């Protein structure tokens, strides 16, 4: 049950409504069929049929309304949101995107002290509305400091909003657009809500060729009152960053869904194709490509699920998720590219054919690591935690599997986004010690070697300001954190030891590759370079284990799923 199989979806759910949402969503897409799915994609047709389904079945209302603001079956449940995001990604990135940007648009609303707007948002969700997050701008991207959107006071409690926003999903139909700007008189940050159908809201264009509407819009003397303001000052700043923390995590789940569907299509094709009087899946290099891709995909899911556990268990005193979350955004999405590349190397030209799901997967999987500069932005964030992670571990409560039917209220009441340097972590090495597997042990030694390099040859002041060098360091650090989460969830889900060791066969090779890259950086000192060379290791070979993984986990999935035409 590690990979989604829509035609045999027997996953356990804590309540009937959650099961109903997932099964009805699957039914919608399976009934629509692959041919129509592809035709709509190629014609860039707005997915009104999906939104009509969402409205009729109260899907977004159920999934996106925190407890206390909607019907009894509504709550903000990160675990079931992950399930939903995976399903949407499985069938097509546009369907995930319309939900994802609604999640982002709702973030500043649910974090707001403005109860009237919260009640309004809940009512709009019940009516099938979608939402938008008006943060980024054409000239500044998501640089909050440089926003040109302004609110100018015109009298007691009233203002005029002026400015443009760029790359704003759902900007054509969003019932509420959470818009970030500044007060003209004080420079104070603010979030306020606007309606995309208002006469002073000027929709300029869709900036992409897609089913999605990724808008540029302009507010021209848009009238705002205090009743439309979501937050001001530090609260607005915190809402912007905390919304990104909560919402952008879903990038990883879109990648997981896309890769899973691509895997089924690729293994089905390869298993039934013969070349040189052999099945394609009999070629050793094909088995290696599929096995590595499958191992990466399972690891992606283990990590994303485990990060969700920490998100759901977060408190003001335990914010470990602020490291694990960007690891999902950066690492799971880039691993998704690797996975699709592995499968594409097998099916080759077949991956370009217009009737294949794979054609859209190969295109869309590349978008996810690049949204909002995901890779370099998140590595820059991740390395801020490195010192505490390696050198200041503390005893913290163990976090278990969190698939219970709970409302994740803390996510909307986190408060200040400062103090990242105060966040502490448990000893990462403890989980490695609990596994008696050769490649896990080898990787643990690599991790200790990297830690020793940081202790004995810490970054110089010049290196600490060299982003290119830090990104290379960050790749290794991120992989260590990623691998910790893999192992924690391998325990929780009782993953076959053969598969775990195969995942770490891949991880040993990856860390070795990153060590070579760091060694080659001009800024790396000779002493650091020696440490890098010590990190380059060959995985422990085990032909029997590898063949068991190929036969029992990978090749066994042939013909397991095929989307109906």
Protein backbone atom coordinates (compact mmCIF):
# COMPACT_ATOMS: atom_id res chain seq x y z
CA UNK A 1 0.00 0.00 0.00
CA UNK A 2 3.04 2.28 -0.14
CA UNK A 3 2.23 3.42 -3.70
CA UNK A 4 -1.16 4.72 -4.71
CA UNK A 5 -3.20 2.24 -6.78
CA UNK A 6 -6.52 3.92 -7.61
CA UNK A 7 -8.14 0.70 -8.83
CA UNK A 8 -7.31 -1.12 -5.60
CA UNK A 9 -7.57 1.69 -3.10
CA UNK A 10 -7.90 -0.11 0.21
CA UNK A 11 -6.13 2.36 2.46
CA UNK A 12 -7.53 2.71 5.98
CA UNK A 13 -9.10 6.04 6.94
CA UNK A 14 -10.08 7.26 10.40
CA UNK A 15 -13.57 8.32 9.26
CA UNK A 16 -16.06 7.62 6.50
CA UNK A 17 -16.05 11.15 5.05
CA UNK A 18 -12.30 11.04 4.42
CA UNK A 19 -12.67 7.73 2.59
CA UNK A 20 -15.59 9.13 0.61
CA UNK A 21 -13.62 12.19 -0.53
CA UNK A 22 -10.73 10.07 -1.80
CA UNK A 23 -12.85 7.43 -3.51
CA UNK A 24 -15.14 9.97 -5.18
CA UNK A 25 -12.15 11.94 -6.44
CA UNK A 26 -10.63 8.78 -7.87
CA UNK A 27 -13.96 7.86 -9.45
CA UNK A 28 -14.23 11.29 -11.10
CA UNK A 29 -10.90 10.89 -12.88
CA UNK A 30 -11.24 7.20 -13.70
CA UNK A 31 -14.64 7.93 -15.26
CA UNK A 32 -13.28 10.90 -17.18
CA UNK A 33 -10.60 8.66 -18.64
CA UNK A 34 -7.13 9.22 -19.98
CA UNK A 35 -8.19 10.26 -23.49
CA UNK A 36 -10.28 13.17 -22.23
CA UNK A 37 -7.67 14.04 -19.63
CA UNK A 38 -5.05 14.36 -22.34
CA UNK A 39 -7.33 16.24 -24.75
CA UNK A 40 -8.11 18.83 -22.08
CA UNK A 41 -4.42 19.18 -21.28
CA UNK A 42 -3.38 19.70 -24.89
CA UNK A 43 -6.19 22.19 -25.51
CA UNK A 44 -5.44 24.02 -22.22
CA UNK A 45 -9.12 23.79 -21.26
CA UNK A 46 -10.10 25.33 -17.94
CA UNK A 47 -11.11 22.44 -15.66
CA UNK A 48 -14.66 23.57 -14.96
CA UNK A 49 -15.87 19.95 -14.88
CA UNK A 50 -13.52 19.28 -11.96
CA UNK A 51 -14.62 22.43 -10.13
CA UNK A 52 -18.28 21.47 -10.66
CA UNK A 53 -17.48 18.11 -9.08
CA UNK A 54 -15.67 19.82 -6.20
CA UNK A 55 -18.70 22.00 -5.55
CA UNK A 56 -21.27 19.21 -5.84
CA UNK A 57 -19.37 16.91 -3.49
CA UNK A 58 -18.16 19.67 -1.09
CA UNK A 59 -14.59 18.47 -1.57
CA UNK A 60 -12.64 21.68 -0.91
CA UNK A 61 -15.07 22.62 1.86
CA UNK A 62 -14.36 19.36 3.66
CA UNK A 63 -10.61 19.45 3.16
CA UNK A 64 -9.80 23.14 3.57
CA UNK A 65 -12.08 24.42 6.35
CA UNK A 66 -10.61 24.26 9.87
CA UNK A 67 -12.78 22.76 12.59
CA UNK A 68 -15.23 25.24 14.04
CA UNK A 69 -15.84 27.17 10.82
CA UNK A 70 -17.75 24.65 8.75
CA UNK A 71 -19.82 21.49 8.89
CA UNK A 72 -19.05 18.68 11.28
CA UNK A 73 -16.95 16.81 8.71
CA UNK A 74 -14.59 19.74 8.07
CA UNK A 75 -11.12 20.07 9.55
CA UNK A 76 -7.61 21.02 8.46
CA UNK A 77 -6.03 17.59 8.52
CA UNK A 78 -2.54 17.53 7.03
CA UNK A 79 -2.49 13.74 6.69
CA UNK A 80 -5.63 13.54 4.59
CA UNK A 81 -4.57 16.64 2.64
CA UNK A 82 -1.44 14.66 1.69
CA UNK A 83 -3.60 11.80 0.46
CA UNK A 84 -5.71 14.19 -1.57
CA UNK A 85 -2.71 15.99 -3.07
CA UNK A 86 -1.17 12.67 -4.08
CA UNK A 87 -4.35 11.63 -5.90
CA UNK A 88 -4.64 14.96 -7.72
CA UNK A 89 -0.98 14.83 -8.77
CA UNK A 90 -1.47 11.27 -9.98
CA UNK A 91 -4.05 12.40 -12.52
CA UNK A 92 -2.56 15.72 -13.53
CA UNK A 93 -0.69 18.70 -12.15
CA UNK A 94 -3.41 21.24 -13.12
CA UNK A 95 -5.95 19.58 -10.81
CA UNK A 96 -3.44 19.64 -7.98
CA UNK A 97 -2.57 23.25 -8.77
CA UNK A 98 -6.09 24.67 -8.50
CA UNK A 99 -6.36 23.10 -5.06
CA UNK A 100 -2.80 24.00 -4.03
CA UNK A 101 -3.14 27.71 -4.73
CA UNK A 102 -6.49 27.69 -2.94
CA UNK A 103 -4.64 26.29 0.09
CA UNK A 104 -2.15 29.15 -0.18
CA UNK A 105 -4.90 31.73 -0.56
CA UNK A 106 -6.66 30.41 2.51
CA UNK A 107 -3.52 30.52 4.67
CA UNK A 108 -3.60 34.27 5.47
CA UNK A 109 -7.35 34.01 6.02
CA UNK A 110 -7.23 31.23 8.60
CA UNK A 111 -4.28 32.98 10.29
CA UNK A 112 -6.15 36.27 10.45
CA UNK A 113 -7.81 37.77 13.53
CA UNK A 114 -10.64 38.89 11.21
CA UNK A 115 -13.37 36.44 12.17
CA UNK A 116 -15.86 37.92 9.69
CA UNK A 117 -13.62 37.07 6.75
CA UNK A 118 -13.04 33.58 8.12
CA UNK A 119 -16.77 32.95 8.26
CA UNK A 120 -17.10 34.32 4.75
CA UNK A 121 -14.32 32.05 3.46
CA UNK A 122 -16.00 29.00 5.01
CA UNK A 123 -19.30 29.89 3.33
CA UNK A 124 -17.55 30.38 -0.01
CA UNK A 125 -15.87 26.99 0.30
CA UNK A 126 -19.26 25.39 0.86
CA UNK A 127 -20.37 27.08 -2.35
CA UNK A 128 -17.47 25.55 -4.29
CA UNK A 129 -15.27 28.67 -4.48
CA UNK A 130 -11.55 28.69 -5.19
CA UNK A 131 -8.98 31.06 -3.69
CA UNK A 132 -5.71 32.78 -4.60
CA UNK A 133 -2.51 33.95 -2.90
CA UNK A 134 -1.51 37.39 -4.16
CA UNK A 135 2.10 37.51 -3.02
CA UNK A 136 4.62 37.54 -5.87
CA UNK A 137 5.24 40.38 -8.32
CA UNK A 138 6.74 40.53 -11.79
CA UNK A 139 9.78 42.60 -10.85
CA UNK A 140 10.39 41.18 -7.38
CA UNK A 141 9.19 37.57 -7.37
CA UNK A 142 8.37 36.55 -3.80
CA UNK A 143 10.70 39.14 -2.26
CA UNK A 144 8.38 40.46 0.43
CA UNK A 145 10.59 43.43 1.24
CA UNK A 146 10.16 44.89 -2.24
CA UNK A 147 6.40 44.71 -2.74
CA UNK A 148 4.94 47.55 -4.82
CA UNK A 149 1.32 46.82 -3.89
CA UNK A 150 0.05 49.67 -1.71
CA UNK A 151 -2.88 50.62 0.48
CA UNK A 152 -3.43 54.37 0.71
CA UNK A 153 -5.78 55.74 3.38
CA UNK A 154 -8.69 57.86 2.11
CA UNK A 155 -10.55 58.46 5.32
CA UNK A 156 -11.69 56.79 8.51
CA UNK A 157 -11.10 53.07 8.00
CA UNK A 158 -11.02 53.19 4.19
CA UNK A 159 -8.24 52.84 1.64
CA UNK A 160 -7.47 52.49 -2.04
CA UNK A 161 -5.36 49.55 -3.20
CA UNK A 162 -3.07 49.95 -6.20
CA UNK A 163 -0.44 47.69 -7.72
CA UNK A 164 0.16 44.56 -9.73
CA UNK A 165 0.68 40.92 -8.81
CA UNK A 166 2.21 38.31 -11.08
CA UNK A 167 2.15 34.52 -11.28
CA UNK A 168 -0.99 34.24 -9.18
CA UNK A 169 -2.86 30.97 -9.66
CA UNK A 170 -6.68 31.07 -9.80
CA UNK A 171 -6.54 34.84 -10.32
CA UNK A 172 -9.31 34.59 -12.90
CA UNK A 173 -12.00 33.13 -10.65
CA UNK A 174 -10.87 33.32 -7.03
CA UNK A 175 -13.65 34.47 -4.73
CA UNK A 176 -11.07 35.81 -2.30
CA UNK A 177 -7.53 36.80 -3.26
CA UNK A 178 -5.32 37.21 -0.19
CA UNK A 179 -3.15 40.12 -1.34
CA UNK A 180 0.11 41.22 0.29
CA UNK A 181 1.15 44.87 0.26
CA UNK A 182 2.28 47.89 2.27
CA UNK A 183 0.52 50.87 3.85
CA UNK A 184 1.65 54.01 2.01
CA UNK A 185 1.92 56.22 5.10
CA UNK A 186 3.80 53.86 7.42
CA UNK A 187 5.37 51.20 5.20
CA UNK A 188 3.63 48.64 7.40
CA UNK A 189 3.02 45.27 5.78
CA UNK A 190 -0.57 44.14 5.30
CA UNK A 191 -2.72 41.37 3.90
CA UNK A 192 -6.16 42.21 2.56
CA UNK A 193 -8.83 40.29 0.67
CA UNK A 194 -10.08 41.24 -2.79
CA UNK A 195 -12.61 39.71 -5.18
CA UNK A 196 -11.37 38.76 -8.65
CA UNK A 197 -14.74 39.79 -10.11
CA UNK A 198 -14.69 43.35 -8.71
CA UNK A 199 -14.63 46.17 -11.34
CA UNK A 200 -11.40 47.57 -9.85
CA UNK A 201 -9.67 44.23 -10.20
CA UNK A 202 -8.13 44.15 -13.67
CA UNK A 203 -7.21 40.71 -14.95
CA UNK A 204 -4.33 41.28 -17.37
CA UNK A 205 -3.50 37.83 -18.72
CA UNK A 206 -2.66 34.20 -18.12
CA UNK A 207 1.14 34.15 -18.14
CA UNK A 208 1.41 30.43 -19.04
CA UNK A 209 0.01 28.12 -21.74
CA UNK A 210 -1.81 25.68 -19.52
CA UNK A 211 -5.13 24.52 -18.16
CA UNK A 212 -4.19 26.57 -15.12
CA UNK A 213 -4.83 30.29 -15.04
CA UNK A 214 -1.61 31.73 -13.64
CA UNK A 215 -2.57 35.35 -13.67
CA UNK A 216 -1.16 38.80 -13.74
CA UNK A 217 -3.65 41.16 -12.17
CA UNK A 218 -3.76 44.82 -11.25
CA UNK A 219 -5.73 46.65 -8.59
CA UNK A 220 -6.71 50.13 -9.76
CA UNK A 221 -8.08 52.25 -6.91
CA UNK A 222 -9.66 49.12 -5.46
CA UNK A 223 -11.73 50.23 -2.43
CA UNK A 224 -10.72 48.54 0.83
CA UNK A 225 -12.07 49.02 4.33
CA UNK A 226 -10.82 47.80 7.67
CA UNK A 227 -13.30 44.94 7.29
CA UNK A 228 -11.29 43.66 4.29
CA UNK A 229 -7.92 43.67 6.07
CA UNK A 230 -6.67 40.28 7.17
CA UNK A 231 -3.56 41.31 9.07
CA UNK A 232 -1.04 44.12 9.48
CA UNK A 233 2.56 44.58 10.53
CA UNK A 234 4.36 41.56 11.94
CA UNK A 235 1.17 39.50 11.73
CA UNK A 236 1.06 40.01 7.96
CA UNK A 237 4.73 39.13 7.58
CA UNK A 238 4.30 36.00 9.67
CA UNK A 239 1.19 35.02 7.72
CA UNK A 240 3.10 35.23 4.44
CA UNK A 241 5.95 32.98 5.61
CA UNK A 242 3.82 30.56 7.60
CA UNK A 243 1.45 30.14 4.66
CA UNK A 244 4.41 29.18 2.47
CA UNK A 245 5.57 26.74 5.17
CA UNK A 246 2.18 25.03 5.23
CA UNK A 247 1.17 25.23 1.59
CA UNK A 248 4.37 24.73 -0.38
CA UNK A 249 4.91 21.41 1.38
CA UNK A 250 2.31 20.05 -1.06
CA UNK A 251 4.85 20.37 -3.89
CA UNK A 252 6.37 17.08 -2.76
CA UNK A 253 3.02 15.28 -2.89
CA UNK A 254 2.36 16.43 -6.44
CA UNK A 255 5.73 14.92 -7.40
CA UNK A 256 4.86 11.65 -5.67
CA UNK A 257 1.55 11.37 -7.51
CA UNK A 258 3.08 12.18 -10.90
CA UNK A 259 5.95 9.72 -10.44
CA UNK A 260 3.63 6.93 -9.34
CA UNK A 261 1.44 7.17 -12.44
CA UNK A 262 4.54 7.47 -14.65
CA UNK A 263 5.96 4.33 -13.04
CA UNK A 264 2.88 2.25 -13.78
CA UNK A 265 2.82 3.36 -17.38
CA UNK A 266 6.55 2.78 -17.87
CA UNK A 267 6.69 -0.68 -16.28
CA UNK A 268 3.61 -1.80 -18.21
CA UNK A 269 5.13 -0.68 -21.50
CA UNK A 270 8.57 -2.15 -20.85
CA UNK A 271 7.26 -5.50 -19.58
CA UNK A 272 5.30 -6.09 -22.78
CA UNK A 273 7.85 -4.84 -25.30
CA UNK A 274 10.43 -7.15 -26.86
CA UNK A 275 13.73 -6.09 -28.42
CA UNK A 276 16.40 -8.42 -29.81
CA UNK A 277 14.21 -11.38 -28.84
CA UNK A 278 14.17 -10.26 -25.17
CA UNK A 279 11.62 -8.53 -22.98
CA UNK A 280 12.83 -5.01 -22.30
CA UNK A 281 12.60 -5.75 -18.59
CA UNK A 282 15.17 -8.55 -18.99
CA UNK A 283 17.95 -6.09 -19.82
CA UNK A 284 20.19 -5.50 -16.75
CA UNK A 285 20.40 -1.74 -17.26
CA UNK A 286 16.59 -1.53 -17.47
CA UNK A 287 16.23 -3.43 -14.22
CA UNK A 288 18.71 -1.04 -12.59
CA UNK A 289 16.89 2.05 -13.88
CA UNK A 290 13.53 0.77 -12.66
CA UNK A 291 14.89 -0.40 -9.31
CA UNK A 292 16.68 2.87 -8.60
CA UNK A 293 13.62 4.84 -9.67
CA UNK A 294 11.33 2.74 -7.51
CA UNK A 295 13.64 3.02 -4.50
CA UNK A 296 13.74 6.78 -4.90
CA UNK A 297 9.95 6.95 -5.22
CA UNK A 298 9.33 4.92 -2.07
CA UNK A 299 11.83 7.10 -0.20
CA UNK A 300 10.03 10.22 -1.43
CA UNK A 301 6.81 9.00 0.06
CA UNK A 302 8.33 7.86 3.34
CA UNK A 303 9.93 11.27 3.82
CA UNK A 304 6.84 13.30 2.91
CA UNK A 305 4.65 11.22 5.22
CA UNK A 306 7.13 11.54 8.08
CA UNK A 307 7.44 15.30 7.66
CA UNK A 308 3.66 15.49 7.94
CA UNK A 309 3.84 13.72 11.30
CA UNK A 310 6.12 16.47 12.61
CA UNK A 311 3.90 19.20 11.12
CA UNK A 312 0.84 17.78 12.84
CA UNK A 313 2.68 17.40 16.16
CA UNK A 314 4.31 20.84 16.12
CA UNK A 315 4.03 23.19 19.09
CA UNK A 316 5.60 26.48 20.06
CA UNK A 317 8.32 24.43 21.77
CA UNK A 318 8.81 21.86 19.02
CA UNK A 319 9.15 23.25 15.50
CA UNK A 320 11.36 20.54 14.01
CA UNK A 321 9.03 20.53 11.04
CA UNK A 322 10.55 23.83 9.87
CA UNK A 323 13.59 21.81 8.79
CA UNK A 324 11.78 18.73 7.55
CA UNK A 325 9.24 20.76 5.56
CA UNK A 326 11.75 22.48 3.21
CA UNK A 327 13.49 19.12 2.82
CA UNK A 328 10.23 17.88 1.29
CA UNK A 329 9.86 20.98 -0.88
CA UNK A 330 13.41 20.77 -2.20
CA UNK A 331 14.48 17.13 -2.03
CA UNK A 332 11.28 15.25 -2.80
CA UNK A 333 10.65 17.43 -5.85
CA UNK A 334 14.17 17.07 -7.24
CA UNK A 335 14.05 13.34 -6.59
CA UNK A 336 10.85 13.34 -8.63
CA UNK A 337 12.81 14.64 -11.60
CA UNK A 338 15.36 11.85 -11.14
CA UNK A 339 12.62 9.22 -10.93
CA UNK A 340 10.93 10.32 -14.15
CA UNK A 341 14.31 10.55 -15.87
CA UNK A 342 15.07 6.93 -14.88
CA UNK A 343 11.79 5.69 -16.33
CA UNK A 344 12.13 7.90 -19.40
CA UNK A 345 15.53 6.36 -20.14
CA UNK A 346 13.71 3.03 -20.36
CA UNK A 347 10.68 3.94 -22.48
CA UNK A 348 12.63 6.49 -24.56
CA UNK A 349 10.60 7.91 -27.48
CA UNK A 350 7.38 6.44 -26.05
CA UNK A 351 7.54 9.17 -23.42
CA UNK A 352 6.91 11.82 -26.07
CA UNK A 353 3.73 10.29 -27.45
CA UNK A 354 0.69 12.51 -27.02
CA UNK A 355 -1.59 9.72 -25.80
CA UNK A 356 0.71 8.78 -22.93
CA UNK A 357 0.27 10.16 -19.42
CA UNK A 358 4.06 10.10 -19.35
CA UNK A 359 4.26 12.97 -21.83
CA UNK A 360 2.63 15.33 -19.32
CA UNK A 361 4.55 13.80 -16.41
CA UNK A 362 7.89 14.49 -18.13
CA UNK A 363 6.88 18.11 -18.59
CA UNK A 364 5.17 18.81 -15.27
CA UNK A 365 7.64 17.06 -12.95
CA UNK A 366 10.17 19.78 -13.83
CA UNK A 367 7.90 22.59 -12.70
CA UNK A 368 7.76 21.60 -9.05
CA UNK A 369 11.41 22.15 -8.00
CA UNK A 370 11.37 25.49 -9.77
CA UNK A 371 8.29 27.07 -8.26
CA UNK A 372 9.38 30.05 -6.15
CA UNK A 373 13.03 29.05 -6.63
CA UNK A 374 12.36 25.97 -4.55
CA UNK A 375 15.82 24.38 -4.65
CA UNK A 376 18.19 27.24 -3.84
CA UNK A 377 15.74 29.05 -1.55
CA UNK A 378 15.07 25.95 0.51
CA UNK A 379 18.70 24.81 0.71
CA UNK A 380 19.59 28.28 1.96
CA UNK A 381 16.95 27.82 4.65
CA UNK A 382 17.96 24.25 5.45
CA UNK A 383 21.63 25.05 6.16
CA UNK A 384 20.54 27.45 8.92
CA UNK A 385 19.62 24.40 11.00
CA UNK A 386 22.84 22.47 10.37
CA UNK A 387 24.77 23.44 13.49
CA UNK A 388 21.97 22.61 15.92
CA UNK A 389 21.12 19.42 14.04
CA UNK A 390 24.62 17.98 14.22
CA UNK A 391 26.12 19.47 17.36
CA UNK A 392 23.33 20.39 19.81
CA UNK A 393 20.87 17.48 19.96
CA UNK A 394 18.43 17.42 22.86
CA UNK A 395 15.86 15.01 24.23
CA UNK A 396 12.51 15.71 22.59
CA UNK A 397 9.20 13.84 22.63
CA UNK A 398 9.03 11.00 20.14
CA UNK A 399 6.60 11.71 17.32
CA UNK A 400 4.52 8.78 16.12
CA UNK A 401 2.41 8.16 13.04
CA UNK A 402 -0.18 10.92 12.78
CA UNK A 403 -3.02 9.70 10.59
CA UNK A 404 -5.65 10.39 13.23
CA UNK A 405 -8.71 12.51 12.52
CA UNK A 406 -7.47 15.70 14.19
CA UNK A 407 -7.64 19.38 13.27
CA UNK A 408 -4.15 20.86 12.91
CA UNK A 409 -4.96 24.15 14.59
CA UNK A 410 -1.41 25.08 15.55
CA UNK A 411 -0.45 25.59 11.91
CA UNK A 412 -2.66 28.68 11.83
CA UNK A 413 -1.57 29.95 15.25
CA UNK A 414 2.22 29.68 15.03
CA UNK A 415 3.01 33.28 15.75
CA UNK A 416 6.44 34.76 14.92
CA UNK A 417 8.59 33.23 12.20
CA UNK A 418 11.80 34.35 13.90
CA UNK A 419 14.04 32.27 16.13
CA UNK A 420 15.06 29.54 13.67
CA UNK A 421 18.42 29.35 15.44
CA UNK A 422 16.62 28.31 18.63
CA UNK A 423 15.00 25.23 17.08
CA UNK A 424 16.55 22.03 18.43
CA UNK A 425 16.49 18.46 17.19
CA UNK A 426 16.77 14.96 18.57
CA UNK A 427 19.89 12.91 17.83
CA UNK A 428 19.56 11.93 14.19
CA UNK A 429 22.06 9.08 14.53
CA UNK A 430 19.87 7.08 16.92
CA UNK A 431 17.62 5.80 14.15
CA UNK A 432 20.59 4.71 12.02
CA UNK A 433 21.86 2.64 14.95
CA UNK A 434 18.60 0.68 15.07
CA UNK A 435 19.08 -0.76 11.56
CA UNK A 436 21.38 -3.71 10.98
CA UNK A 437 21.68 -3.25 7.22
CA UNK A 438 25.02 -2.85 5.43
CA UNK A 439 24.22 0.19 3.30
CA UNK A 440 22.46 1.95 6.15
CA UNK A 441 25.63 1.47 8.22
CA UNK A 442 27.81 2.69 5.35
CA UNK A 443 25.68 5.78 4.88
CA UNK A 444 25.78 6.46 8.62
CA UNK A 445 29.59 6.45 8.40
CA UNK A 446 29.42 8.90 5.52
CA UNK A 447 27.18 11.15 7.61
CA UNK A 448 29.63 11.01 10.50
CA UNK A 449 32.46 11.85 8.11
CA UNK A 450 30.59 14.92 6.91
CA UNK A 451 29.91 15.95 10.50
CA UNK A 452 33.63 15.54 11.27
CA UNK A 453 34.49 17.82 8.36
CA UNK A 454 32.18 20.51 9.72
CA UNK A 455 33.71 20.14 13.20
CA UNK A 456 37.35 20.08 12.13
CA UNK A 457 37.19 22.35 9.09
CA UNK A 458 34.12 24.54 9.61
CA UNK A 459 33.05 26.99 6.90
CA UNK A 460 35.19 30.11 6.77
CA UNK A 461 33.58 33.55 6.82
CA UNK A 462 34.13 33.75 3.07
CA UNK A 463 32.52 30.35 2.50
CA UNK A 464 29.58 31.28 4.72
CA UNK A 465 28.79 34.10 2.26
CA UNK A 466 29.42 32.01 -0.86
CA UNK A 467 25.98 30.75 -1.89
CA UNK A 468 27.39 28.40 -4.50
CA UNK A 469 29.55 26.67 -1.90
CA UNK A 470 26.77 26.55 0.68
CA UNK A 471 24.41 24.94 -1.83
CA UNK A 472 26.93 22.13 -2.34
CA UNK A 473 27.21 21.65 1.44
CA UNK A 474 23.44 21.86 1.71
CA UNK A 475 22.95 18.98 -0.72
CA UNK A 476 24.86 16.64 1.59
CA UNK A 477 23.18 17.92 4.74
CA UNK A 478 19.74 17.66 3.14
CA UNK A 479 20.39 14.07 2.09
CA UNK A 480 21.33 13.15 5.67
CA UNK A 481 18.14 14.67 7.08
CA UNK A 482 16.15 13.03 4.27
CA UNK A 483 17.66 9.65 5.10
CA UNK A 484 16.86 10.05 8.78
CA UNK A 485 13.19 10.55 7.88
CA UNK A 486 13.27 7.55 5.54
CA UNK A 487 14.43 5.32 8.38
CA UNK A 488 12.01 6.69 10.95
CA UNK A 489 9.11 5.89 8.65
CA UNK A 490 10.56 2.58 7.51
CA UNK A 491 10.19 1.54 11.15
CA UNK A 492 6.66 2.90 11.44
CA UNK A 493 5.44 1.27 8.20
CA UNK A 494 7.53 -1.89 8.66
CA UNK A 495 9.15 -1.58 5.23
CA UNK A 496 10.92 -4.68 3.92
CA UNK A 497 14.59 -4.60 4.93
CA UNK A 498 15.67 -5.50 1.39
CA UNK A 499 13.96 -2.40 0.06
CA UNK A 500 15.37 -0.20 2.83
CA UNK A 501 18.91 -1.34 2.07
CA UNK A 502 18.31 -0.78 -1.66
CA UNK A 503 17.16 2.78 -0.89
CA UNK A 504 20.45 3.29 0.94
CA UNK A 505 22.42 1.74 -1.89
CA UNK A 506 21.10 4.70 -3.89
CA UNK A 507 21.73 7.14 -1.02
CA UNK A 508 25.39 6.07 -0.66
CA UNK A 509 25.93 6.74 -4.35
CA UNK A 510 24.16 10.10 -4.13
CA UNK A 511 26.20 11.30 -1.17
CA UNK A 512 29.38 10.22 -2.95
CA UNK A 513 28.34 12.26 -6.00
CA UNK A 514 27.64 15.33 -3.87
CA UNK A 515 31.02 14.90 -2.17
CA UNK A 516 32.72 14.97 -5.56
CA UNK A 517 30.85 18.18 -6.39
CA UNK A 518 31.87 19.82 -3.10
CA UNK A 519 35.46 18.68 -3.60
CA UNK A 520 35.48 20.40 -6.97
CA UNK A 521 34.31 23.79 -5.70
CA UNK A 522 36.98 26.47 -5.95
CA UNK A 523 36.13 27.67 -2.44
CA UNK A 524 36.72 24.26 -0.85
CA UNK A 525 39.99 24.21 1.10
CA UNK A 526 42.54 21.39 0.65
CA UNK A 527 41.74 20.10 4.14
CA UNK A 528 38.01 20.07 3.42
CA UNK A 529 38.77 18.39 0.11
CA UNK A 530 40.46 15.50 1.91
CA UNK A 531 37.32 15.01 3.97
CA UNK A 532 35.23 15.04 0.78
CA UNK A 533 37.36 12.28 -0.73
CA UNK A 534 36.74 10.19 2.38
CA UNK A 535 32.99 10.48 1.81
CA UNK A 536 33.17 8.78 -1.59
CA UNK A 537 32.10 5.21 -1.00
CA UNK A 538 30.93 2.22 -3.03
CA UNK A 539 27.66 0.65 -1.84
CA UNK A 540 27.87 -2.79 -0.30
CA UNK A 541 26.96 -5.12 -3.19
CA UNK A 542 24.31 -7.79 -2.67
CA UNK A 543 23.08 -9.35 -5.88
CA UNK A 544 20.51 -11.52 -4.14
CA UNK A 545 18.97 -8.56 -2.31
CA UNK A 546 18.84 -6.51 -5.47
CA UNK A 547 17.09 -9.29 -7.38
CA UNK A 548 14.53 -9.75 -4.59
CA UNK A 549 13.70 -6.04 -4.72
CA UNK A 550 13.42 -6.17 -8.51
CA UNK A 551 11.17 -9.23 -8.52
CA UNK A 552 9.08 -8.67 -5.38
CA UNK A 553 8.66 -4.91 -5.43
CA UNK A 554 9.30 -3.51 -8.89
CA UNK A 555 8.54 -6.09 -11.59
CA UNK A 556 5.62 -7.31 -9.48
CA UNK A 557 3.87 -4.00 -10.24
CA UNK A 558 3.57 -4.69 -13.98
CA UNK A 559 -0.08 -4.53 -15.07
CA UNK A 560 -1.08 -3.47 -11.55
CA UNK A 561 -2.71 -0.28 -12.83
CA UNK A 562 -3.76 1.11 -16.17
CA UNK A 563 -5.95 4.18 -16.51
CA UNK A 564 -9.01 3.53 -18.66
CA UNK A 565 -9.20 5.41 -21.94
